[in-house]
Amino acid sequence: MLRALPRPSAPLGPDGAEVLRLITVQRAPVCLTVQASGRRRYGYWQPMDAGAGRGGCYVALPTDECDALHAAGRIVLGDPVVDPGKTTYPVRPAVRGASSSSPGVPRQALTA
């Protein structure tokens, strides 16, 4: 017997859909970095593209869009890597029916 899957509360806008696409494709792993000061930044490393002659840089994603995707349960955070000045969480798409937050992720890290 099939059961109904929960639907997100709001449809994605174009920016949210593009961010979710980048996270889902996972050609480059996306991470959330939380600085000791509380500053949060979602992003990924774009490798060098020899053919195009560009890349080899860090690409930041819009924090508000990523936070909204996390709050809606569309992305989840993995196990943290803790350094003296920052904590880094891998970001991945949520499995349908999974909870919106990962166990062990401090709530203040997401709202600071």
PDB file of N, CA and C in Angstrom:
ATOM      1  N   MET A   1       0.840  -1.174   0.000  1.00  0.00           N
ATOM      2  CA  MET A   1       0.000   0.000   0.000  1.00  0.00           C
ATOM      3  C   MET A   1       0.888   1.241   0.000  1.00  0.00           C
ATOM      4  N   LEU A   2       0.578   2.200  -0.831  1.00  0.00           N
ATOM      5  CA  LEU A   2       1.347   3.432  -0.916  1.00  0.00           C
ATOM      6  C   LEU A   2       0.824   4.433   0.087  1.00  0.00           C
ATOM      7  N   ARG A   3       1.741   5.193   0.642  1.00  0.00           N
ATOM      8  CA  ARG A   3       1.318   6.256   1.555  1.00  0.00           C
ATOM      9  C   ARG A   3       1.686   7.602   0.950  1.00  0.00           C
ATOM     10  N   ALA A   4       0.935   8.608   1.312  1.00  0.00           N
ATOM     11  CA  ALA A   4       1.176   9.950   0.789  1.00  0.00           C
ATOM     12  C   ALA A   4       2.449  10.523   1.393  1.00  0.00           C
ATOM     13  N   LEU A   5       3.241  11.167   0.551  1.00  0.00           N
ATOM     14  CA  LEU A   5       4.445  11.836   1.023  1.00  0.00           C
ATOM     15  C   LEU A   5       4.106  13.271   1.380  1.00  0.00           C
ATOM     16  N   PRO A   6       4.731  13.808   2.444  1.00  0.00           N
ATOM     17  CA  PRO A   6       4.461  15.193   2.783  1.00  0.00           C
ATOM     18  C   PRO A   6       4.948  16.124   1.678  1.00  0.00           C
ATOM     19  N   ARG A   7       4.210  17.144   1.419  1.00  0.00           N
ATOM     20  CA  ARG A   7       4.590  18.129   0.401  1.00  0.00           C
ATOM     21  C   ARG A   7       5.193  19.342   1.088  1.00  0.00           C
ATOM     22  N   PRO A   8       6.164  20.002   0.451  1.00  0.00           N
ATOM     23  CA  PRO A   8       6.706  21.213   1.038  1.00  0.00           C
ATOM     24  C   PRO A   8       5.620  22.270   1.163  1.00  0.00           C
ATOM     25  N   SER A   9       5.771  23.144   2.143  1.00  0.00           N
ATOM     26  CA  SER A   9       4.742  24.130   2.420  1.00  0.00           C
ATOM     27  C   SER A   9       4.641  25.208   1.353  1.00  0.00           C
ATOM     28  N   ALA A  10       5.715  25.487   0.645  1.00  0.00           N
ATOM     29  CA  ALA A  10       5.677  26.536  -0.369  1.00  0.00           C
ATOM     30  C   ALA A  10       6.441  26.068  -1.603  1.00  0.00           C
ATOM     31  N   PRO A  11       5.975  26.447  -2.794  1.00  0.00           N
ATOM     32  CA  PRO A  11       6.712  26.076  -3.997  1.00  0.00           C
ATOM     33  C   PRO A  11       8.043  26.828  -4.053  1.00  0.00           C
ATOM     34  N   LEU A  12       8.997  26.241  -4.748  1.00  0.00           N
ATOM     35  CA  LEU A  12      10.306  26.870  -4.882  1.00  0.00           C
ATOM     36  C   LEU A  12      10.258  27.978  -5.921  1.00  0.00           C
ATOM     37  N   GLY A  13      10.970  29.061  -5.633  1.00  0.00           N
ATOM     38  CA  GLY A  13      11.157  30.103  -6.629  1.00  0.00           C
ATOM     39  C   GLY A  13      12.302  29.700  -7.541  1.00  0.00           C
ATOM     40  N   PRO A  14      12.602  30.506  -8.555  1.00  0.00           N
ATOM     41  CA  PRO A  14      13.679  30.149  -9.485  1.00  0.00           C
ATOM     42  C   PRO A  14      15.041  30.012  -8.800  1.00  0.00           C
ATOM     43  N   ASP A  15      15.346  30.903  -7.846  1.00  0.00           N
ATOM     44  CA  ASP A  15      16.635  30.821  -7.157  1.00  0.00           C
ATOM     45  C   ASP A  15      16.714  29.573  -6.285  1.00  0.00           C
ATOM     46  N   GLY A  16      15.648  29.276  -5.564  1.00  0.00           N
ATOM     47  CA  GLY A  16      15.615  28.086  -4.720  1.00  0.00           C
ATOM     48  C   GLY A  16      15.723  26.816  -5.537  1.00  0.00           C
ATOM     49  N   ALA A  17      15.066  26.788  -6.691  1.00  0.00           N
ATOM     50  CA  ALA A  17      15.125  25.614  -7.561  1.00  0.00           C
ATOM     51  C   ALA A  17      16.531  25.414  -8.098  1.00  0.00           C
ATOM     52  N   GLU A  18      17.211  26.492  -8.453  1.00  0.00           N
ATOM     53  CA  GLU A  18      18.584  26.386  -8.960  1.00  0.00           C
ATOM     54  C   GLU A  18      19.533  25.909  -7.866  1.00  0.00           C
ATOM     55  N   VAL A  19      19.384  26.417  -6.654  1.00  0.00           N
ATOM     56  CA  VAL A  19      20.223  25.982  -5.538  1.00  0.00           C
ATOM     57  C   VAL A  19      19.980  24.499  -5.253  1.00  0.00           C
ATOM     58  N   LEU A  20      18.728  24.084  -5.221  1.00  0.00           N
ATOM     59  CA  LEU A  20      18.415  22.674  -4.982  1.00  0.00           C
ATOM     60  C   LEU A  20      18.981  21.795  -6.100  1.00  0.00           C
ATOM     61  N   ARG A  21      18.938  22.268  -7.338  1.00  0.00           N
ATOM     62  CA  ARG A  21      19.513  21.527  -8.455  1.00  0.00           C
ATOM     63  C   ARG A  21      21.019  21.348  -8.267  1.00  0.00           C
ATOM     64  N   LEU A  22      21.711  22.408  -7.872  1.00  0.00           N
ATOM     65  CA  LEU A  22      23.157  22.321  -7.644  1.00  0.00           C
ATOM     66  C   LEU A  22      23.494  21.314  -6.550  1.00  0.00           C
ATOM     67  N   ILE A  23      22.710  21.309  -5.485  1.00  0.00           N
ATOM     68  CA  ILE A  23      22.946  20.387  -4.380  1.00  0.00           C
ATOM     69  C   ILE A  23      22.632  18.959  -4.807  1.00  0.00           C
ATOM     70  N   THR A  24      21.576  18.772  -5.578  1.00  0.00           N
ATOM     71  CA  THR A  24      21.156  17.444  -5.994  1.00  0.00           C
ATOM     72  C   THR A  24      22.118  16.824  -7.004  1.00  0.00           C
ATOM     73  N   VAL A  25      22.612  17.613  -7.938  1.00  0.00           N
ATOM     74  CA  VAL A  25      23.526  17.108  -8.963  1.00  0.00           C
ATOM     75  C   VAL A  25      24.821  16.613  -8.312  1.00  0.00           C
ATOM     76  N   GLN A  26      25.304  17.300  -7.327  1.00  0.00           N
ATOM     77  CA  GLN A  26      26.469  16.935  -6.526  1.00  0.00           C
ATOM     78  C   GLN A  26      27.723  16.654  -7.342  1.00  0.00           C
ATOM     79  N   ARG A  27      27.941  17.412  -8.392  1.00  0.00           N
ATOM     80  CA  ARG A  27      29.227  17.300  -9.087  1.00  0.00           C
ATOM     81  C   ARG A  27      30.334  17.829  -8.194  1.00  0.00           C
ATOM     82  N   ALA A  28      30.002  18.818  -7.413  1.00  0.00           N
ATOM     83  CA  ALA A  28      30.921  19.354  -6.404  1.00  0.00           C
ATOM     84  C   ALA A  28      30.160  19.354  -5.083  1.00  0.00           C
ATOM     85  N   PRO A  29      30.716  18.779  -4.032  1.00  0.00           N
ATOM     86  CA  PRO A  29      30.002  18.743  -2.753  1.00  0.00           C
ATOM     87  C   PRO A  29      29.744  20.150  -2.205  1.00  0.00           C
ATOM     88  N   VAL A  30      28.522  20.365  -1.739  1.00  0.00           N
ATOM     89  CA  VAL A  30      28.141  21.637  -1.126  1.00  0.00           C
ATOM     90  C   VAL A  30      28.301  21.497   0.378  1.00  0.00           C
ATOM     91  N   CYS A  31      28.813  22.548   1.016  1.00  0.00           N
ATOM     92  CA  CYS A  31      29.006  22.544   2.468  1.00  0.00           C
ATOM     93  C   CYS A  31      28.444  23.819   3.074  1.00  0.00           C
ATOM     94  N   LEU A  32      28.053  23.719   4.329  1.00  0.00           N
ATOM     95  CA  LEU A  32      27.688  24.884   5.138  1.00  0.00           C
ATOM     96  C   LEU A  32      28.838  25.104   6.102  1.00  0.00           C
ATOM     97  N   THR A  33      29.429  26.289   6.071  1.00  0.00           N
ATOM     98  CA  THR A  33      30.498  26.635   7.006  1.00  0.00           C
ATOM     99  C   THR A  33      29.950  27.649   7.996  1.00  0.00           C
ATOM    100  N   VAL A  34      30.062  27.324   9.285  1.00  0.00           N
ATOM    101  CA  VAL A  34      29.628  28.229  10.349  1.00  0.00           C
ATOM    102  C   VAL A  34      30.883  28.708  11.062  1.00  0.00           C
ATOM    103  N   GLN A  35      31.196  29.994  10.918  1.00  0.00           N
ATOM    104  CA  GLN A  35      32.374  30.581  11.561  1.00  0.00           C
ATOM    105  C   GLN A  35      32.139  30.693  13.060  1.00  0.00           C
ATOM    106  N   ALA A  36      33.207  30.830  13.837  1.00  0.00           N
ATOM    107  CA  ALA A  36      33.093  30.989  15.289  1.00  0.00           C
ATOM    108  C   ALA A  36      32.256  32.228  15.636  1.00  0.00           C
ATOM    109  N   SER A  37      32.252  33.223  14.759  1.00  0.00           N
ATOM    110  CA  SER A  37      31.478  34.445  14.983  1.00  0.00           C
ATOM    111  C   SER A  37      29.981  34.233  14.752  1.00  0.00           C
ATOM    112  N   GLY A  38      29.607  33.073  14.177  1.00  0.00           N
ATOM    113  CA  GLY A  38      28.203  32.793  13.883  1.00  0.00           C
ATOM    114  C   GLY A  38      27.847  32.995  12.424  1.00  0.00           C
ATOM    115  N   ARG A  39      28.740  33.576  11.642  1.00  0.00           N
ATOM    116  CA  ARG A  39      28.483  33.799  10.212  1.00  0.00           C
ATOM    117  C   ARG A  39      28.379  32.457   9.499  1.00  0.00           C
ATOM    118  N   ARG A  40      27.331  32.307   8.674  1.00  0.00           N
ATOM    119  CA  ARG A  40      27.108  31.076   7.931  1.00  0.00           C
ATOM    120  C   ARG A  40      27.295  31.340   6.442  1.00  0.00           C
ATOM    121  N   ARG A  41      27.862  30.333   5.750  1.00  0.00           N
ATOM    122  CA  ARG A  41      28.023  30.448   4.309  1.00  0.00           C
ATOM    123  C   ARG A  41      27.893  29.051   3.688  1.00  0.00           C
ATOM    124  N   TYR A  42      26.986  28.938   2.729  1.00  0.00           N
ATOM    125  CA  TYR A  42      26.843  27.715   1.939  1.00  0.00           C
ATOM    126  C   TYR A  42      27.658  27.912   0.667  1.00  0.00           C
ATOM    127  N   GLY A  43      28.339  26.867   0.239  1.00  0.00           N
ATOM    128  CA  GLY A  43      29.106  27.007  -0.993  1.00  0.00           C
ATOM    129  C   GLY A  43      29.754  25.709  -1.416  1.00  0.00           C
ATOM    130  N   TYR A  44      30.457  25.788  -2.526  1.00  0.00           N
ATOM    131  CA  TYR A  44      31.159  24.629  -3.059  1.00  0.00           C
ATOM    132  C   TYR A  44      32.386  25.101  -3.814  1.00  0.00           C
ATOM    133  N   TRP A  45      33.334  24.177  -4.030  1.00  0.00           N
ATOM    134  CA  TRP A  45      34.540  24.463  -4.780  1.00  0.00           C
ATOM    135  C   TRP A  45      34.291  24.134  -6.243  1.00  0.00           C
ATOM    136  N   GLN A  46      34.504  25.104  -7.126  1.00  0.00           N
ATOM    137  CA  GLN A  46      34.358  24.881  -8.557  1.00  0.00           C
ATOM    138  C   GLN A  46      35.738  24.553  -9.123  1.00  0.00           C
ATOM    139  N   PRO A  47      35.928  23.326  -9.602  1.00  0.00           N
ATOM    140  CA  PRO A  47      37.247  22.953 -10.113  1.00  0.00           C
ATOM    141  C   PRO A  47      37.592  23.714 -11.392  1.00  0.00           C
ATOM    142  N   MET A  48      38.872  23.752 -11.683  1.00  0.00           N
ATOM    143  CA  MET A  48      39.358  24.428 -12.884  1.00  0.00           C
ATOM    144  C   MET A  48      38.881  23.680 -14.127  1.00  0.00           C
ATOM    145  N   ASP A  49      38.351  24.410 -15.086  1.00  0.00           N
ATOM    146  CA  ASP A  49      37.946  23.856 -16.373  1.00  0.00           C
ATOM    147  C   ASP A  49      38.990  24.308 -17.392  1.00  0.00           C
ATOM    148  N   ALA A  50      39.887  23.396 -17.759  1.00  0.00           N
ATOM    149  CA  ALA A  50      40.987  23.747 -18.658  1.00  0.00           C
ATOM    150  C   ALA A  50      40.477  24.219 -20.015  1.00  0.00           C
ATOM    151  N   GLY A  51      39.393  23.618 -20.497  1.00  0.00           N
ATOM    152  CA  GLY A  51      38.846  24.006 -21.792  1.00  0.00           C
ATOM    153  C   GLY A  51      38.319  25.429 -21.809  1.00  0.00           C
ATOM    154  N   ALA A  52      37.659  25.823 -20.733  1.00  0.00           N
ATOM    155  CA  ALA A  52      37.080  27.165 -20.653  1.00  0.00           C
ATOM    156  C   ALA A  52      38.065  28.168 -20.060  1.00  0.00           C
ATOM    157  N   GLY A  53      39.108  27.653 -19.401  1.00  0.00           N
ATOM    158  CA  GLY A  53      40.085  28.556 -18.794  1.00  0.00           C
ATOM    159  C   GLY A  53      39.552  29.291 -17.580  1.00  0.00           C
ATOM    160  N   ARG A  54      38.580  28.697 -16.902  1.00  0.00           N
ATOM    161  CA  ARG A  54      38.040  29.350 -15.707  1.00  0.00           C
ATOM    162  C   ARG A  54      37.723  28.307 -14.650  1.00  0.00           C
ATOM    163  N   GLY A  55      37.461  28.771 -13.470  1.00  0.00           N
ATOM    164  CA  GLY A  55      37.168  27.875 -12.352  1.00  0.00           C
ATOM    165  C   GLY A  55      38.277  27.970 -11.328  1.00  0.00           C
ATOM    166  N   GLY A  56      38.405  26.917 -10.534  1.00  0.00           N
ATOM    167  CA  GLY A  56      39.403  26.934  -9.480  1.00  0.00           C
ATOM    168  C   GLY A  56      39.086  27.976  -8.427  1.00  0.00           C
ATOM    169  N   CYS A  57      37.800  28.071  -8.068  1.00  0.00           N
ATOM    170  CA  CYS A  57      37.407  29.080  -7.091  1.00  0.00           C
ATOM    171  C   CYS A  57      36.257  28.563  -6.222  1.00  0.00           C
ATOM    172  N   TYR A  58      36.072  29.217  -5.099  1.00  0.00           N
ATOM    173  CA  TYR A  58      34.989  28.907  -4.180  1.00  0.00           C
ATOM    174  C   TYR A  58      33.746  29.675  -4.627  1.00  0.00           C
ATOM    175  N   VAL A  59      32.608  28.988  -4.740  1.00  0.00           N
ATOM    176  CA  VAL A  59      31.359  29.622  -5.168  1.00  0.00           C
ATOM    177  C   VAL A  59      30.389  29.608  -3.998  1.00  0.00           C
ATOM    178  N   ALA A  60      29.962  30.792  -3.575  1.00  0.00           N
ATOM    179  CA  ALA A  60      29.000  30.907  -2.474  1.00  0.00           C
ATOM    180  C   ALA A  60      27.588  30.822  -3.030  1.00  0.00           C
ATOM    181  N   LEU A  61      26.724  30.152  -2.273  1.00  0.00           N
ATOM    182  CA  LEU A  61      25.307  30.064  -2.620  1.00  0.00           C
ATOM    183  C   LEU A  61      24.522  31.032  -1.738  1.00  0.00           C
ATOM    184  N   PRO A  62      23.360  31.481  -2.168  1.00  0.00           N
ATOM    185  CA  PRO A  62      22.572  32.421  -1.360  1.00  0.00           C
ATOM    186  C   PRO A  62      22.122  31.779  -0.040  1.00  0.00           C
ATOM    187  N   THR A  63      22.576  32.347   1.054  1.00  0.00           N
ATOM    188  CA  THR A  63      22.303  31.800   2.386  1.00  0.00           C
ATOM    189  C   THR A  63      20.801  31.736   2.664  1.00  0.00           C
ATOM    190  N   ASP A  64      20.065  32.780   2.320  1.00  0.00           N
ATOM    191  CA  ASP A  64      18.621  32.793   2.590  1.00  0.00           C
ATOM    192  C   ASP A  64      17.909  31.651   1.862  1.00  0.00           C
ATOM    193  N   GLU A  65      18.278  31.409   0.603  1.00  0.00           N
ATOM    194  CA  GLU A  65      17.656  30.324  -0.166  1.00  0.00           C
ATOM    195  C   GLU A  65      17.998  28.967   0.447  1.00  0.00           C
ATOM    196  N   CYS A  66      19.267  28.786   0.831  1.00  0.00           N
ATOM    197  CA  CYS A  66      19.690  27.512   1.425  1.00  0.00           C
ATOM    198  C   CYS A  66      19.008  27.288   2.775  1.00  0.00           C
ATOM    199  N   ASP A  67      18.924  28.341   3.598  1.00  0.00           N
ATOM    200  CA  ASP A  67      18.238  28.219   4.885  1.00  0.00           C
ATOM    201  C   ASP A  67      16.770  27.855   4.689  1.00  0.00           C
ATOM    202  N   ALA A  68      16.140  28.434   3.657  1.00  0.00           N
ATOM    203  CA  ALA A  68      14.735  28.119   3.380  1.00  0.00           C
ATOM    204  C   ALA A  68      14.585  26.660   2.935  1.00  0.00           C
ATOM    205  N   LEU A  69      15.517  26.174   2.124  1.00  0.00           N
ATOM    206  CA  LEU A  69      15.476  24.770   1.707  1.00  0.00           C
ATOM    207  C   LEU A  69      15.657  23.847   2.902  1.00  0.00           C
ATOM    208  N   HIS A  70      16.548  24.222   3.823  1.00  0.00           N
ATOM    209  CA  HIS A  70      16.768  23.415   5.029  1.00  0.00           C
ATOM    210  C   HIS A  70      15.521  23.425   5.909  1.00  0.00           C
ATOM    211  N   ALA A  71      14.930  24.594   6.106  1.00  0.00           N
ATOM    212  CA  ALA A  71      13.727  24.707   6.936  1.00  0.00           C
ATOM    213  C   ALA A  71      12.559  23.919   6.338  1.00  0.00           C
ATOM    214  N   ALA A  72      12.502  23.846   4.999  1.00  0.00           N
ATOM    215  CA  ALA A  72      11.426  23.115   4.326  1.00  0.00           C
ATOM    216  C   ALA A  72      11.696  21.614   4.264  1.00  0.00           C
ATOM    217  N   GLY A  73      12.859  21.194   4.744  1.00  0.00           N
ATOM    218  CA  GLY A  73      13.188  19.772   4.748  1.00  0.00           C
ATOM    219  C   GLY A  73      13.666  19.242   3.412  1.00  0.00           C
ATOM    220  N   ARG A  74      14.082  20.122   2.516  1.00  0.00           N
ATOM    221  CA  ARG A  74      14.535  19.695   1.188  1.00  0.00           C
ATOM    222  C   ARG A  74      16.025  19.379   1.152  1.00  0.00           C
ATOM    223  N   ILE A  75      16.792  19.926   2.109  1.00  0.00           N
ATOM    224  CA  ILE A  75      18.205  19.581   2.235  1.00  0.00           C
ATOM    225  C   ILE A  75      18.481  19.233   3.692  1.00  0.00           C
ATOM    226  N   VAL A  76      19.492  18.409   3.905  1.00  0.00           N
ATOM    227  CA  VAL A  76      19.886  18.016   5.257  1.00  0.00           C
ATOM    228  C   VAL A  76      21.377  18.231   5.412  1.00  0.00           C
ATOM    229  N   LEU A  77      21.793  18.363   6.671  1.00  0.00           N
ATOM    230  CA  LEU A  77      23.197  18.559   6.989  1.00  0.00           C
ATOM    231  C   LEU A  77      23.785  17.260   7.514  1.00  0.00           C
ATOM    232  N   GLY A  78      25.000  16.968   7.085  1.00  0.00           N
ATOM    233  CA  GLY A  78      25.679  15.764   7.529  1.00  0.00           C
ATOM    234  C   GLY A  78      26.465  16.009   8.806  1.00  0.00           C
ATOM    235  N   ASP A  79      27.326  15.055   9.136  1.00  0.00           N
ATOM    236  CA  ASP A  79      28.149  15.144  10.341  1.00  0.00           C
ATOM    237  C   ASP A  79      29.133  16.299  10.229  1.00  0.00           C
ATOM    238  N   PRO A  80      29.274  17.075  11.308  1.00  0.00           N
ATOM    239  CA  PRO A  80      30.153  18.251  11.259  1.00  0.00           C
ATOM    240  C   PRO A  80      31.624  17.883  11.329  1.00  0.00           C
ATOM    241  N   VAL A  81      32.437  18.738  10.718  1.00  0.00           N
ATOM    242  CA  VAL A  81      33.884  18.713  10.869  1.00  0.00           C
ATOM    243  C   VAL A  81      34.221  19.987  11.617  1.00  0.00           C
ATOM    244  N   VAL A  82      34.770  19.840  12.830  1.00  0.00           N
ATOM    245  CA  VAL A  82      34.988  20.988  13.709  1.00  0.00           C
ATOM    246  C   VAL A  82      36.457  21.383  13.677  1.00  0.00           C
ATOM    247  N   ASP A  83      36.716  22.633  13.366  1.00  0.00           N
ATOM    248  CA  ASP A  83      38.036  23.248  13.419  1.00  0.00           C
ATOM    249  C   ASP A  83      37.989  24.314  14.501  1.00  0.00           C
ATOM    250  N   PRO A  84      39.146  24.840  14.930  1.00  0.00           N
ATOM    251  CA  PRO A  84      39.119  25.866  15.977  1.00  0.00           C
ATOM    252  C   PRO A  84      38.268  27.096  15.642  1.00  0.00           C
ATOM    253  N   GLY A  85      38.248  27.528  14.388  1.00  0.00           N
ATOM    254  CA  GLY A  85      37.517  28.749  14.058  1.00  0.00           C
ATOM    255  C   GLY A  85      36.228  28.550  13.301  1.00  0.00           C
ATOM    256  N   LYS A  86      35.916  27.288  12.960  1.00  0.00           N
ATOM    257  CA  LYS A  86      34.702  27.060  12.159  1.00  0.00           C
ATOM    258  C   LYS A  86      34.249  25.613  12.265  1.00  0.00           C
ATOM    259  N   THR A  87      32.990  25.406  11.901  1.00  0.00           N
ATOM    260  CA  THR A  87      32.417  24.062  11.797  1.00  0.00           C
ATOM    261  C   THR A  87      31.834  23.943  10.400  1.00  0.00           C
ATOM    262  N   THR A  88      32.137  22.829   9.743  1.00  0.00           N
ATOM    263  CA  THR A  88      31.682  22.618   8.370  1.00  0.00           C
ATOM    264  C   THR A  88      30.774  21.397   8.319  1.00  0.00           C
ATOM    265  N   TYR A  89      29.603  21.584   7.702  1.00  0.00           N
ATOM    266  CA  TYR A  89      28.625  20.509   7.536  1.00  0.00           C
ATOM    267  C   TYR A  89      28.470  20.192   6.056  1.00  0.00           C
ATOM    268  N   PRO A  90      28.544  18.932   5.649  1.00  0.00           N
ATOM    269  CA  PRO A  90      28.187  18.620   4.264  1.00  0.00           C
ATOM    270  C   PRO A  90      26.679  18.790   4.077  1.00  0.00           C
ATOM    271  N   VAL A  91      26.283  19.259   2.925  1.00  0.00           N
ATOM    272  CA  VAL A  91      24.873  19.485   2.613  1.00  0.00           C
ATOM    273  C   VAL A  91      24.491  18.515   1.499  1.00  0.00           C
ATOM    274  N   ARG A  92      23.344  17.874   1.666  1.00  0.00           N
ATOM    275  CA  ARG A  92      22.866  16.958   0.630  1.00  0.00           C
ATOM    276  C   ARG A  92      21.351  17.064   0.530  1.00  0.00           C
ATOM    277  N   PRO A  93      20.803  16.614  -0.593  1.00  0.00           N
ATOM    278  CA  PRO A  93      19.342  16.654  -0.722  1.00  0.00           C
ATOM    279  C   PRO A  93      18.704  15.702   0.276  1.00  0.00           C
ATOM    280  N   ALA A  94      17.547  16.065   0.761  1.00  0.00           N
ATOM    281  CA  ALA A  94      16.823  15.230   1.717  1.00  0.00           C
ATOM    282  C   ALA A  94      16.177  14.059   0.987  1.00  0.00           C
ATOM    283  N   VAL A  95      16.117  12.946   1.668  1.00  0.00           N
ATOM    284  CA  VAL A  95      15.388  11.794   1.160  1.00  0.00           C
ATOM    285  C   VAL A  95      13.924  12.053   1.475  1.00  0.00           C
ATOM    286  N   ARG A  96      13.052  11.813   0.533  1.00  0.00           N
ATOM    287  CA  ARG A  96      11.624  12.065   0.774  1.00  0.00           C
ATOM    288  C   ARG A  96      11.166  11.348   2.023  1.00  0.00           C
ATOM    289  N   GLY A  97      10.472  12.073   2.874  1.00  0.00           N
ATOM    290  CA  GLY A  97       9.947  11.500   4.105  1.00  0.00           C
ATOM    291  C   GLY A  97      10.914  11.603   5.268  1.00  0.00           C
ATOM    292  N   ALA A  98      12.123  12.137   5.046  1.00  0.00           N
ATOM    293  CA  ALA A  98      13.099  12.289   6.131  1.00  0.00           C
ATOM    294  C   ALA A  98      12.819  13.559   6.900  1.00  0.00           C
ATOM    295  N   SER A  99      13.359  13.649   8.105  1.00  0.00           N
ATOM    296  CA  SER A  99      13.154  14.843   8.924  1.00  0.00           C
ATOM    297  C   SER A  99      13.948  16.004   8.358  1.00  0.00           C
ATOM    298  N   SER A 100      13.605  17.226   8.767  1.00  0.00           N
ATOM    299  CA  SER A 100      14.223  18.410   8.194  1.00  0.00           C
ATOM    300  C   SER A 100      15.548  18.782   8.829  1.00  0.00           C
ATOM    301  N   SER A 101      15.919  18.167   9.923  1.00  0.00           N
ATOM    302  CA  SER A 101      17.212  18.487  10.507  1.00  0.00           C
ATOM    303  C   SER A 101      17.932  17.211  10.899  1.00  0.00           C
ATOM    304  N   SER A 102      19.222  17.278  10.870  1.00  0.00           N
ATOM    305  CA  SER A 102      20.038  16.120  11.209  1.00  0.00           C
ATOM    306  C   SER A 102      20.256  16.070  12.704  1.00  0.00           C
ATOM    307  N   PRO A 103      20.270  14.867  13.284  1.00  0.00           N
ATOM    308  CA  PRO A 103      20.560  14.786  14.705  1.00  0.00           C
ATOM    309  C   PRO A 103      21.991  15.240  14.949  1.00  0.00           C
ATOM    310  N   GLY A 104      22.203  15.891  16.044  1.00  0.00           N
ATOM    311  CA  GLY A 104      23.539  16.332  16.404  1.00  0.00           C
ATOM    312  C   GLY A 104      23.921  17.694  15.855  1.00  0.00           C
ATOM    313  N   VAL A 105      23.103  18.300  15.005  1.00  0.00           N
ATOM    314  CA  VAL A 105      23.418  19.618  14.483  1.00  0.00           C
ATOM    315  C   VAL A 105      22.855  20.647  15.447  1.00  0.00           C
ATOM    316  N   PRO A 106      23.726  21.427  16.080  1.00  0.00           N
ATOM    317  CA  PRO A 106      23.230  22.400  17.050  1.00  0.00           C
ATOM    318  C   PRO A 106      22.335  23.440  16.399  1.00  0.00           C
ATOM    319  N   ARG A 107      21.177  23.663  16.977  1.00  0.00           N
ATOM    320  CA  ARG A 107      20.204  24.611  16.429  1.00  0.00           C
ATOM    321  C   ARG A 107      20.785  26.012  16.353  1.00  0.00           C
ATOM    322  N   GLN A 108      21.606  26.411  17.346  1.00  0.00           N
ATOM    323  CA  GLN A 108      22.156  27.762  17.327  1.00  0.00           C
ATOM    324  C   GLN A 108      23.096  27.953  16.149  1.00  0.00           C
ATOM    325  N   ALA A 109      23.701  26.872  15.631  1.00  0.00           N
ATOM    326  CA  ALA A 109      24.571  26.984  14.464  1.00  0.00           C
ATOM    327  C   ALA A 109      23.769  27.393  13.232  1.00  0.00           C
ATOM    328  N   LEU A 110      22.501  27.022  13.194  1.00  0.00           N
ATOM    329  CA  LEU A 110      21.678  27.326  12.045  1.00  0.00           C
ATOM    330  C   LEU A 110      20.990  28.677  12.159  1.00  0.00           C
ATOM    331  N   THR A 111      20.854  29.187  13.351  1.00  0.00           N
ATOM    332  CA  THR A 111      20.127  30.439  13.536  1.00  0.00           C
ATOM    333  C   THR A 111      21.028  31.593  13.942  1.00  0.00           C
ATOM    334  N   ALA A 112      22.299  31.325  14.164  1.00  0.00           N
ATOM    335  CA  ALA A 112      23.212  32.393  14.622  1.00  0.00           C
ATOM    336  C   ALA A 112      23.480  33.385  13.533  1.00  0.00           C
TER     337      ALA A 112
END
